[in-house]
Amino acid sequence: MEELNGKEQKELTEVEEIELERKMMELAYENSYRVLTNKLSFKELMSGNHGKGRSAVMAHDPQEGINEREMDVIIRFFEDREEYEKCAELKSIQ
């Protein structure tokens, strides 16, 4: 076991690492969707997540803005999940 900040941390198995990465990607796409559709401001995302000890990871750089390729990838993510309402919202701002 590794020690991190004075606490023992067990090492993740490969399956656990893959699952964690999948959850982080889902969170990144959801966060980008919420910010891009003005359901939440970037500032609100940062302050709300920081206070709860969660990550404010996003699928795009909010400081740089989103480019067409990034938007297409985000839309494709929601298409794969059959969340077509979100796709339509994102396409309307594209």
PDB file of N, CA and C in Angstrom:
ATOM      1  N   MET A   1       0.833  -1.189   0.000  1.00  0.00           N
ATOM      2  CA  MET A   1       0.000   0.000   0.000  1.00  0.00           C
ATOM      3  C   MET A   1       0.874   1.248   0.000  1.00  0.00           C
ATOM      4  N   GLU A   2       0.394   2.260  -0.699  1.00  0.00           N
ATOM      5  CA  GLU A   2       1.113   3.524  -0.734  1.00  0.00           C
ATOM      6  C   GLU A   2       0.629   4.420   0.390  1.00  0.00           C
ATOM      7  N   GLU A   3       1.476   5.363   0.773  1.00  0.00           N
ATOM      8  CA  GLU A   3       1.074   6.341   1.762  1.00  0.00           C
ATOM      9  C   GLU A   3       0.927   7.683   1.064  1.00  0.00           C
ATOM     10  N   LEU A   4      -0.227   8.307   1.240  1.00  0.00           N
ATOM     11  CA  LEU A   4      -0.519   9.585   0.608  1.00  0.00           C
ATOM     12  C   LEU A   4      -1.058  10.517   1.675  1.00  0.00           C
ATOM     13  N   ASN A   5      -0.367  11.634   1.900  1.00  0.00           N
ATOM     14  CA  ASN A   5      -0.772  12.602   2.922  1.00  0.00           C
ATOM     15  C   ASN A   5      -0.953  11.943   4.288  1.00  0.00           C
ATOM     16  N   GLY A   6      -0.068  11.013   4.632  1.00  0.00           N
ATOM     17  CA  GLY A   6      -0.119  10.387   5.938  1.00  0.00           C
ATOM     18  C   GLY A   6      -1.145   9.276   6.059  1.00  0.00           C
ATOM     19  N   LYS A   7      -1.893   8.975   4.990  1.00  0.00           N
ATOM     20  CA  LYS A   7      -2.901   7.921   5.032  1.00  0.00           C
ATOM     21  C   LYS A   7      -2.495   6.819   4.070  1.00  0.00           C
ATOM     22  N   GLU A   8      -2.729   5.595   4.487  1.00  0.00           N
ATOM     23  CA  GLU A   8      -2.436   4.480   3.591  1.00  0.00           C
ATOM     24  C   GLU A   8      -3.498   4.407   2.514  1.00  0.00           C
ATOM     25  N   GLN A   9      -3.065   4.236   1.286  1.00  0.00           N
ATOM     26  CA  GLN A   9      -3.968   4.112   0.146  1.00  0.00           C
ATOM     27  C   GLN A   9      -3.697   2.780  -0.525  1.00  0.00           C
ATOM     28  N   LYS A  10      -4.745   1.978  -0.722  1.00  0.00           N
ATOM     29  CA  LYS A  10      -4.507   0.724  -1.441  1.00  0.00           C
ATOM     30  C   LYS A  10      -4.396   1.031  -2.922  1.00  0.00           C
ATOM     31  N   GLU A  11      -3.583   0.262  -3.599  1.00  0.00           N
ATOM     32  CA  GLU A  11      -3.432   0.439  -5.034  1.00  0.00           C
ATOM     33  C   GLU A  11      -4.660  -0.117  -5.726  1.00  0.00           C
ATOM     34  N   LEU A  12      -5.094   0.567  -6.782  1.00  0.00           N
ATOM     35  CA  LEU A  12      -6.257   0.126  -7.528  1.00  0.00           C
ATOM     36  C   LEU A  12      -5.882  -1.011  -8.463  1.00  0.00           C
ATOM     37  N   THR A  13      -6.822  -1.913  -8.640  1.00  0.00           N
ATOM     38  CA  THR A  13      -6.619  -2.955  -9.640  1.00  0.00           C
ATOM     39  C   THR A  13      -6.813  -2.323 -11.014  1.00  0.00           C
ATOM     40  N   GLU A  14      -6.425  -3.027 -12.048  1.00  0.00           N
ATOM     41  CA  GLU A  14      -6.594  -2.507 -13.410  1.00  0.00           C
ATOM     42  C   GLU A  14      -8.066  -2.240 -13.707  1.00  0.00           C
ATOM     43  N   VAL A  15      -8.932  -3.125 -13.264  1.00  0.00           N
ATOM     44  CA  VAL A  15     -10.377  -2.960 -13.481  1.00  0.00           C
ATOM     45  C   VAL A  15     -10.885  -1.722 -12.740  1.00  0.00           C
ATOM     46  N   GLU A  16     -10.423  -1.526 -11.519  1.00  0.00           N
ATOM     47  CA  GLU A  16     -10.827  -0.349 -10.750  1.00  0.00           C
ATOM     48  C   GLU A  16     -10.336   0.933 -11.407  1.00  0.00           C
ATOM     49  N   GLU A  17      -9.118   0.911 -11.953  1.00  0.00           N
ATOM     50  CA  GLU A  17      -8.582   2.087 -12.648  1.00  0.00           C
ATOM     51  C   GLU A  17      -9.419   2.418 -13.872  1.00  0.00           C
ATOM     52  N   ILE A  18      -9.792   1.402 -14.634  1.00  0.00           N
ATOM     53  CA  ILE A  18     -10.610   1.615 -15.832  1.00  0.00           C
ATOM     54  C   ILE A  18     -11.966   2.186 -15.447  1.00  0.00           C
ATOM     55  N   GLU A  19     -12.569   1.663 -14.400  1.00  0.00           N
ATOM     56  CA  GLU A  19     -13.870   2.152 -13.943  1.00  0.00           C
ATOM     57  C   GLU A  19     -13.769   3.596 -13.457  1.00  0.00           C
ATOM     58  N   LEU A  20     -12.701   3.918 -12.749  1.00  0.00           N
ATOM     59  CA  LEU A  20     -12.494   5.285 -12.275  1.00  0.00           C
ATOM     60  C   LEU A  20     -12.326   6.235 -13.451  1.00  0.00           C
ATOM     61  N   GLU A  21     -11.558   5.836 -14.453  1.00  0.00           N
ATOM     62  CA  GLU A  21     -11.375   6.666 -15.648  1.00  0.00           C
ATOM     63  C   GLU A  21     -12.704   6.873 -16.375  1.00  0.00           C
ATOM     64  N   ARG A  22     -13.525   5.821 -16.462  1.00  0.00           N
ATOM     65  CA  ARG A  22     -14.831   5.922 -17.115  1.00  0.00           C
ATOM     66  C   ARG A  22     -15.723   6.922 -16.379  1.00  0.00           C
ATOM     67  N   LYS A  23     -15.727   6.833 -15.064  1.00  0.00           N
ATOM     68  CA  LYS A  23     -16.548   7.751 -14.262  1.00  0.00           C
ATOM     69  C   LYS A  23     -16.060   9.193 -14.403  1.00  0.00           C
ATOM     70  N   MET A  24     -14.746   9.376 -14.462  1.00  0.00           N
ATOM     71  CA  MET A  24     -14.200  10.726 -14.633  1.00  0.00           C
ATOM     72  C   MET A  24     -14.581  11.304 -15.993  1.00  0.00           C
ATOM     73  N   MET A  25     -14.544  10.463 -17.037  1.00  0.00           N
ATOM     74  CA  MET A  25     -14.936  10.922 -18.370  1.00  0.00           C
ATOM     75  C   MET A  25     -16.412  11.299 -18.396  1.00  0.00           C
ATOM     76  N   GLU A  26     -17.259  10.481 -17.791  1.00  0.00           N
ATOM     77  CA  GLU A  26     -18.686  10.794 -17.729  1.00  0.00           C
ATOM     78  C   GLU A  26     -18.900  12.124 -17.016  1.00  0.00           C
ATOM     79  N   LEU A  27     -18.197  12.316 -15.915  1.00  0.00           N
ATOM     80  CA  LEU A  27     -18.310  13.560 -15.156  1.00  0.00           C
ATOM     81  C   LEU A  27     -17.845  14.751 -15.987  1.00  0.00           C
ATOM     82  N   ALA A  28     -16.773  14.574 -16.743  1.00  0.00           N
ATOM     83  CA  ALA A  28     -16.257  15.654 -17.587  1.00  0.00           C
ATOM     84  C   ALA A  28     -17.277  16.056 -18.641  1.00  0.00           C
ATOM     85  N   TYR A  29     -17.896  15.080 -19.297  1.00  0.00           N
ATOM     86  CA  TYR A  29     -18.903  15.391 -20.320  1.00  0.00           C
ATOM     87  C   TYR A  29     -20.135  16.040 -19.698  1.00  0.00           C
ATOM     88  N   GLU A  30     -20.566  15.535 -18.554  1.00  0.00           N
ATOM     89  CA  GLU A  30     -21.735  16.122 -17.872  1.00  0.00           C
ATOM     90  C   GLU A  30     -21.444  17.558 -17.438  1.00  0.00           C
ATOM     91  N   ASN A  31     -20.258  17.795 -16.890  1.00  0.00           N
ATOM     92  CA  ASN A  31     -19.897  19.145 -16.464  1.00  0.00           C
ATOM     93  C   ASN A  31     -19.837  20.095 -17.660  1.00  0.00           C
ATOM     94  N   SER A  32     -19.236  19.656 -18.755  1.00  0.00           N
ATOM     95  CA  SER A  32     -19.176  20.502 -19.947  1.00  0.00           C
ATOM     96  C   SER A  32     -20.585  20.810 -20.451  1.00  0.00           C
ATOM     97  N   TYR A  33     -21.433  19.800 -20.493  1.00  0.00           N
ATOM     98  CA  TYR A  33     -22.823  20.005 -20.923  1.00  0.00           C
ATOM     99  C   TYR A  33     -23.504  21.066 -20.057  1.00  0.00           C
ATOM    100  N   ARG A  34     -23.367  20.943 -18.748  1.00  0.00           N
ATOM    101  CA  ARG A  34     -24.036  21.875 -17.833  1.00  0.00           C
ATOM    102  C   ARG A  34     -23.539  23.308 -18.018  1.00  0.00           C
ATOM    103  N   VAL A  35     -22.244  23.474 -18.234  1.00  0.00           N
ATOM    104  CA  VAL A  35     -21.684  24.813 -18.428  1.00  0.00           C
ATOM    105  C   VAL A  35     -22.055  25.358 -19.814  1.00  0.00           C
ATOM    106  N   LEU A  36     -21.929  24.529 -20.847  1.00  0.00           N
ATOM    107  CA  LEU A  36     -22.219  24.986 -22.210  1.00  0.00           C
ATOM    108  C   LEU A  36     -23.681  25.380 -22.403  1.00  0.00           C
ATOM    109  N   THR A  37     -24.583  24.719 -21.690  1.00  0.00           N
ATOM    110  CA  THR A  37     -26.011  25.013 -21.826  1.00  0.00           C
ATOM    111  C   THR A  37     -26.495  26.000 -20.761  1.00  0.00           C
ATOM    112  N   ASN A  38     -25.552  26.596 -20.051  1.00  0.00           N
ATOM    113  CA  ASN A  38     -25.842  27.611 -19.033  1.00  0.00           C
ATOM    114  C   ASN A  38     -26.749  27.113 -17.912  1.00  0.00           C
ATOM    115  N   LYS A  39     -26.697  25.843 -17.639  1.00  0.00           N
ATOM    116  CA  LYS A  39     -27.415  25.302 -16.490  1.00  0.00           C
ATOM    117  C   LYS A  39     -26.631  25.587 -15.209  1.00  0.00           C
ATOM    118  N   LEU A  40     -25.340  25.857 -15.401  1.00  0.00           N
ATOM    119  CA  LEU A  40     -24.439  26.133 -14.298  1.00  0.00           C
ATOM    120  C   LEU A  40     -23.275  26.939 -14.857  1.00  0.00           C
ATOM    121  N   SER A  41     -22.852  27.943 -14.137  1.00  0.00           N
ATOM    122  CA  SER A  41     -21.681  28.694 -14.602  1.00  0.00           C
ATOM    123  C   SER A  41     -20.416  27.937 -14.192  1.00  0.00           C
ATOM    124  N   PHE A  42     -19.323  28.242 -14.868  1.00  0.00           N
ATOM    125  CA  PHE A  42     -18.048  27.608 -14.522  1.00  0.00           C
ATOM    126  C   PHE A  42     -17.688  27.935 -13.081  1.00  0.00           C
ATOM    127  N   LYS A  43     -17.936  29.153 -12.670  1.00  0.00           N
ATOM    128  CA  LYS A  43     -17.640  29.562 -11.301  1.00  0.00           C
ATOM    129  C   LYS A  43     -18.461  28.745 -10.299  1.00  0.00           C
ATOM    130  N   GLU A  44     -19.742  28.538 -10.601  1.00  0.00           N
ATOM    131  CA  GLU A  44     -20.593  27.729  -9.720  1.00  0.00           C
ATOM    132  C   GLU A  44     -20.102  26.281  -9.668  1.00  0.00           C
ATOM    133  N   LEU A  45     -19.698  25.767 -10.815  1.00  0.00           N
ATOM    134  CA  LEU A  45     -19.174  24.405 -10.877  1.00  0.00           C
ATOM    135  C   LEU A  45     -17.938  24.276  -9.996  1.00  0.00           C
ATOM    136  N   MET A  46     -17.039  25.227 -10.121  1.00  0.00           N
ATOM    137  CA  MET A  46     -15.803  25.191  -9.342  1.00  0.00           C
ATOM    138  C   MET A  46     -16.073  25.306  -7.849  1.00  0.00           C
ATOM    139  N   SER A  47     -16.869  26.263  -7.461  1.00  0.00           N
ATOM    140  CA  SER A  47     -17.097  26.469  -6.029  1.00  0.00           C
ATOM    141  C   SER A  47     -17.927  25.336  -5.428  1.00  0.00           C
ATOM    142  N   GLY A  48     -18.913  24.838  -6.148  1.00  0.00           N
ATOM    143  CA  GLY A  48     -19.743  23.746  -5.637  1.00  0.00           C
ATOM    144  C   GLY A  48     -18.971  22.454  -5.486  1.00  0.00           C
ATOM    145  N   ASN A  49     -18.157  22.128  -6.450  1.00  0.00           N
ATOM    146  CA  ASN A  49     -17.403  20.878  -6.391  1.00  0.00           C
ATOM    147  C   ASN A  49     -16.240  20.963  -5.419  1.00  0.00           C
ATOM    148  N   HIS A  50     -15.565  22.106  -5.376  1.00  0.00           N
ATOM    149  CA  HIS A  50     -14.417  22.248  -4.477  1.00  0.00           C
ATOM    150  C   HIS A  50     -14.862  22.092  -3.027  1.00  0.00           C
ATOM    151  N   GLY A  51     -15.990  22.692  -2.695  1.00  0.00           N
ATOM    152  CA  GLY A  51     -16.492  22.619  -1.329  1.00  0.00           C
ATOM    153  C   GLY A  51     -16.882  21.214  -0.915  1.00  0.00           C
ATOM    154  N   LYS A  52     -17.195  20.367  -1.879  1.00  0.00           N
ATOM    155  CA  LYS A  52     -17.599  18.991  -1.587  1.00  0.00           C
ATOM    156  C   LYS A  52     -16.458  18.010  -1.805  1.00  0.00           C
ATOM    157  N   GLY A  53     -15.277  18.530  -2.132  1.00  0.00           N
ATOM    158  CA  GLY A  53     -14.122  17.671  -2.342  1.00  0.00           C
ATOM    159  C   GLY A  53     -14.172  16.882  -3.639  1.00  0.00           C
ATOM    160  N   ARG A  54     -14.978  17.341  -4.589  1.00  0.00           N
ATOM    161  CA  ARG A  54     -15.091  16.647  -5.875  1.00  0.00           C
ATOM    162  C   ARG A  54     -14.323  17.404  -6.952  1.00  0.00           C
ATOM    163  N   SER A  55     -14.113  16.729  -8.053  1.00  0.00           N
ATOM    164  CA  SER A  55     -13.390  17.303  -9.171  1.00  0.00           C
ATOM    165  C   SER A  55     -14.323  18.100 -10.071  1.00  0.00           C
ATOM    166  N   ALA A  56     -13.805  19.166 -10.633  1.00  0.00           N
ATOM    167  CA  ALA A  56     -14.567  19.969 -11.595  1.00  0.00           C
ATOM    168  C   ALA A  56     -14.008  19.734 -12.991  1.00  0.00           C
ATOM    169  N   VAL A  57     -13.666  18.502 -13.298  1.00  0.00           N
ATOM    170  CA  VAL A  57     -13.099  18.149 -14.589  1.00  0.00           C
ATOM    171  C   VAL A  57     -14.119  18.425 -15.689  1.00  0.00           C
ATOM    172  N   MET A  58     -13.617  18.867 -16.848  1.00  0.00           N
ATOM    173  CA  MET A  58     -14.495  19.163 -17.977  1.00  0.00           C
ATOM    174  C   MET A  58     -13.903  18.562 -19.248  1.00  0.00           C
ATOM    175  N   ALA A  59     -14.763  18.364 -20.240  1.00  0.00           N
ATOM    176  CA  ALA A  59     -14.332  17.780 -21.509  1.00  0.00           C
ATOM    177  C   ALA A  59     -13.776  18.834 -22.459  1.00  0.00           C
ATOM    178  N   HIS A  60     -13.804  20.076 -22.039  1.00  0.00           N
ATOM    179  CA  HIS A  60     -13.211  21.147 -22.837  1.00  0.00           C
ATOM    180  C   HIS A  60     -12.610  22.167 -21.878  1.00  0.00           C
ATOM    181  N   ASP A  61     -11.783  23.044 -22.408  1.00  0.00           N
ATOM    182  CA  ASP A  61     -11.160  24.086 -21.598  1.00  0.00           C
ATOM    183  C   ASP A  61     -12.082  25.304 -21.593  1.00  0.00           C
ATOM    184  N   PRO A  62     -12.724  25.599 -20.481  1.00  0.00           N
ATOM    185  CA  PRO A  62     -13.671  26.716 -20.445  1.00  0.00           C
ATOM    186  C   PRO A  62     -13.005  28.085 -20.635  1.00  0.00           C
ATOM    187  N   GLN A  63     -11.728  28.174 -20.347  1.00  0.00           N
ATOM    188  CA  GLN A  63     -11.021  29.442 -20.535  1.00  0.00           C
ATOM    189  C   GLN A  63     -10.771  29.717 -22.021  1.00  0.00           C
ATOM    190  N   GLU A  64     -10.546  28.653 -22.778  1.00  0.00           N
ATOM    191  CA  GLU A  64     -10.289  28.780 -24.215  1.00  0.00           C
ATOM    192  C   GLU A  64     -11.571  28.759 -25.033  1.00  0.00           C
ATOM    193  N   GLY A  65     -12.645  28.268 -24.439  1.00  0.00           N
ATOM    194  CA  GLY A  65     -13.877  28.082 -25.191  1.00  0.00           C
ATOM    195  C   GLY A  65     -13.834  26.729 -25.876  1.00  0.00           C
ATOM    196  N   ILE A  66     -14.941  26.374 -26.486  1.00  0.00           N
ATOM    197  CA  ILE A  66     -15.021  25.056 -27.101  1.00  0.00           C
ATOM    198  C   ILE A  66     -14.846  25.165 -28.605  1.00  0.00           C
ATOM    199  N   ASN A  67     -14.139  24.212 -29.178  1.00  0.00           N
ATOM    200  CA  ASN A  67     -13.999  24.208 -30.631  1.00  0.00           C
ATOM    201  C   ASN A  67     -14.958  23.174 -31.224  1.00  0.00           C
ATOM    202  N   GLU A  68     -15.057  23.163 -32.532  1.00  0.00           N
ATOM    203  CA  GLU A  68     -16.028  22.301 -33.214  1.00  0.00           C
ATOM    204  C   GLU A  68     -15.763  20.821 -32.953  1.00  0.00           C
ATOM    205  N   ARG A  69     -14.517  20.431 -32.965  1.00  0.00           N
ATOM    206  CA  ARG A  69     -14.180  19.020 -32.731  1.00  0.00           C
ATOM    207  C   ARG A  69     -14.583  18.579 -31.326  1.00  0.00           C
ATOM    208  N   GLU A  70     -14.293  19.408 -30.332  1.00  0.00           N
ATOM    209  CA  GLU A  70     -14.663  19.082 -28.958  1.00  0.00           C
ATOM    210  C   GLU A  70     -16.183  18.968 -28.817  1.00  0.00           C
ATOM    211  N   MET A  71     -16.907  19.896 -29.445  1.00  0.00           N
ATOM    212  CA  MET A  71     -18.365  19.856 -29.378  1.00  0.00           C
ATOM    213  C   MET A  71     -18.890  18.574 -30.016  1.00  0.00           C
ATOM    214  N   ASP A  72     -18.320  18.191 -31.154  1.00  0.00           N
ATOM    215  CA  ASP A  72     -18.743  16.957 -31.823  1.00  0.00           C
ATOM    216  C   ASP A  72     -18.516  15.739 -30.930  1.00  0.00           C
ATOM    217  N   VAL A  73     -17.400  15.700 -30.231  1.00  0.00           N
ATOM    218  CA  VAL A  73     -17.084  14.578 -29.339  1.00  0.00           C
ATOM    219  C   VAL A  73     -18.093  14.535 -28.184  1.00  0.00           C
ATOM    220  N   ILE A  74     -18.416  15.680 -27.627  1.00  0.00           N
ATOM    221  CA  ILE A  74     -19.375  15.728 -26.517  1.00  0.00           C
ATOM    222  C   ILE A  74     -20.754  15.278 -27.004  1.00  0.00           C
ATOM    223  N   ILE A  75     -21.174  15.759 -28.157  1.00  0.00           N
ATOM    224  CA  ILE A  75     -22.472  15.358 -28.713  1.00  0.00           C
ATOM    225  C   ILE A  75     -22.488  13.848 -28.967  1.00  0.00           C
ATOM    226  N   ARG A  76     -21.415  13.328 -29.522  1.00  0.00           N
ATOM    227  CA  ARG A  76     -21.327  11.886 -29.784  1.00  0.00           C
ATOM    228  C   ARG A  76     -21.432  11.076 -28.495  1.00  0.00           C
ATOM    229  N   PHE A  77     -20.831  11.580 -27.417  1.00  0.00           N
ATOM    230  CA  PHE A  77     -20.925  10.902 -26.124  1.00  0.00           C
ATOM    231  C   PHE A  77     -22.382  10.755 -25.718  1.00  0.00           C
ATOM    232  N   PHE A  78     -23.152  11.835 -25.824  1.00  0.00           N
ATOM    233  CA  PHE A  78     -24.555  11.772 -25.422  1.00  0.00           C
ATOM    234  C   PHE A  78     -25.396  10.981 -26.417  1.00  0.00           C
ATOM    235  N   GLU A  79     -25.033  10.983 -27.681  1.00  0.00           N
ATOM    236  CA  GLU A  79     -25.720  10.127 -28.660  1.00  0.00           C
ATOM    237  C   GLU A  79     -25.538   8.664 -28.289  1.00  0.00           C
ATOM    238  N   ASP A  80     -24.324   8.276 -27.934  1.00  0.00           N
ATOM    239  CA  ASP A  80     -24.047   6.887 -27.551  1.00  0.00           C
ATOM    240  C   ASP A  80     -24.862   6.468 -26.330  1.00  0.00           C
ATOM    241  N   ARG A  81     -25.162   7.418 -25.473  1.00  0.00           N
ATOM    242  CA  ARG A  81     -25.959   7.135 -24.274  1.00  0.00           C
ATOM    243  C   ARG A  81     -27.449   7.334 -24.528  1.00  0.00           C
ATOM    244  N   GLU A  82     -27.781   7.676 -25.773  1.00  0.00           N
ATOM    245  CA  GLU A  82     -29.170   7.909 -26.196  1.00  0.00           C
ATOM    246  C   GLU A  82     -29.833   9.033 -25.394  1.00  0.00           C
ATOM    247  N   GLU A  83     -29.057  10.060 -25.068  1.00  0.00           N
ATOM    248  CA  GLU A  83     -29.575  11.250 -24.385  1.00  0.00           C
ATOM    249  C   GLU A  83     -29.756  12.336 -25.444  1.00  0.00           C
ATOM    250  N   TYR A  84     -30.770  12.129 -26.277  1.00  0.00           N
ATOM    251  CA  TYR A  84     -30.958  12.959 -27.461  1.00  0.00           C
ATOM    252  C   TYR A  84     -31.379  14.393 -27.144  1.00  0.00           C
ATOM    253  N   GLU A  85     -32.030  14.605 -26.005  1.00  0.00           N
ATOM    254  CA  GLU A  85     -32.398  15.973 -25.620  1.00  0.00           C
ATOM    255  C   GLU A  85     -31.136  16.813 -25.393  1.00  0.00           C
ATOM    256  N   LYS A  86     -30.152  16.205 -24.755  1.00  0.00           N
ATOM    257  CA  LYS A  86     -28.896  16.925 -24.531  1.00  0.00           C
ATOM    258  C   LYS A  86     -28.192  17.188 -25.854  1.00  0.00           C
ATOM    259  N   CYS A  87     -28.252  16.208 -26.772  1.00  0.00           N
ATOM    260  CA  CYS A  87     -27.646  16.405 -28.099  1.00  0.00           C
ATOM    261  C   CYS A  87     -28.273  17.597 -28.789  1.00  0.00           C
ATOM    262  N   ALA A  88     -29.595  17.681 -28.736  1.00  0.00           N
ATOM    263  CA  ALA A  88     -30.302  18.778 -29.405  1.00  0.00           C
ATOM    264  C   ALA A  88     -29.924  20.116 -28.791  1.00  0.00           C
ATOM    265  N   GLU A  89     -29.828  20.170 -27.471  1.00  0.00           N
ATOM    266  CA  GLU A  89     -29.431  21.413 -26.812  1.00  0.00           C
ATOM    267  C   GLU A  89     -28.028  21.840 -27.251  1.00  0.00           C
ATOM    268  N   LEU A  90     -27.115  20.888 -27.283  1.00  0.00           N
ATOM    269  CA  LEU A  90     -25.738  21.205 -27.681  1.00  0.00           C
ATOM    270  C   LEU A  90     -25.662  21.601 -29.136  1.00  0.00           C
ATOM    271  N   LYS A  91     -26.419  20.943 -29.996  1.00  0.00           N
ATOM    272  CA  LYS A  91     -26.408  21.288 -31.424  1.00  0.00           C
ATOM    273  C   LYS A  91     -26.972  22.686 -31.646  1.00  0.00           C
ATOM    274  N   SER A  92     -27.906  23.106 -30.806  1.00  0.00           N
ATOM    275  CA  SER A  92     -28.512  24.434 -30.990  1.00  0.00           C
ATOM    276  C   SER A  92     -27.525  25.558 -30.656  1.00  0.00           C
ATOM    277  N   ILE A  93     -26.496  25.269 -29.893  1.00  0.00           N
ATOM    278  CA  ILE A  93     -25.506  26.306 -29.558  1.00  0.00           C
ATOM    279  C   ILE A  93     -24.226  26.144 -30.361  1.00  0.00           C
ATOM    280  N   GLN A  94     -24.176  25.123 -31.204  1.00  0.00           N
ATOM    281  CA  GLN A  94     -22.960  24.824 -31.974  1.00  0.00           C
ATOM    282  C   GLN A  94     -22.688  25.863 -33.004  1.00  0.00           C
TER     283      GLN A  94
END
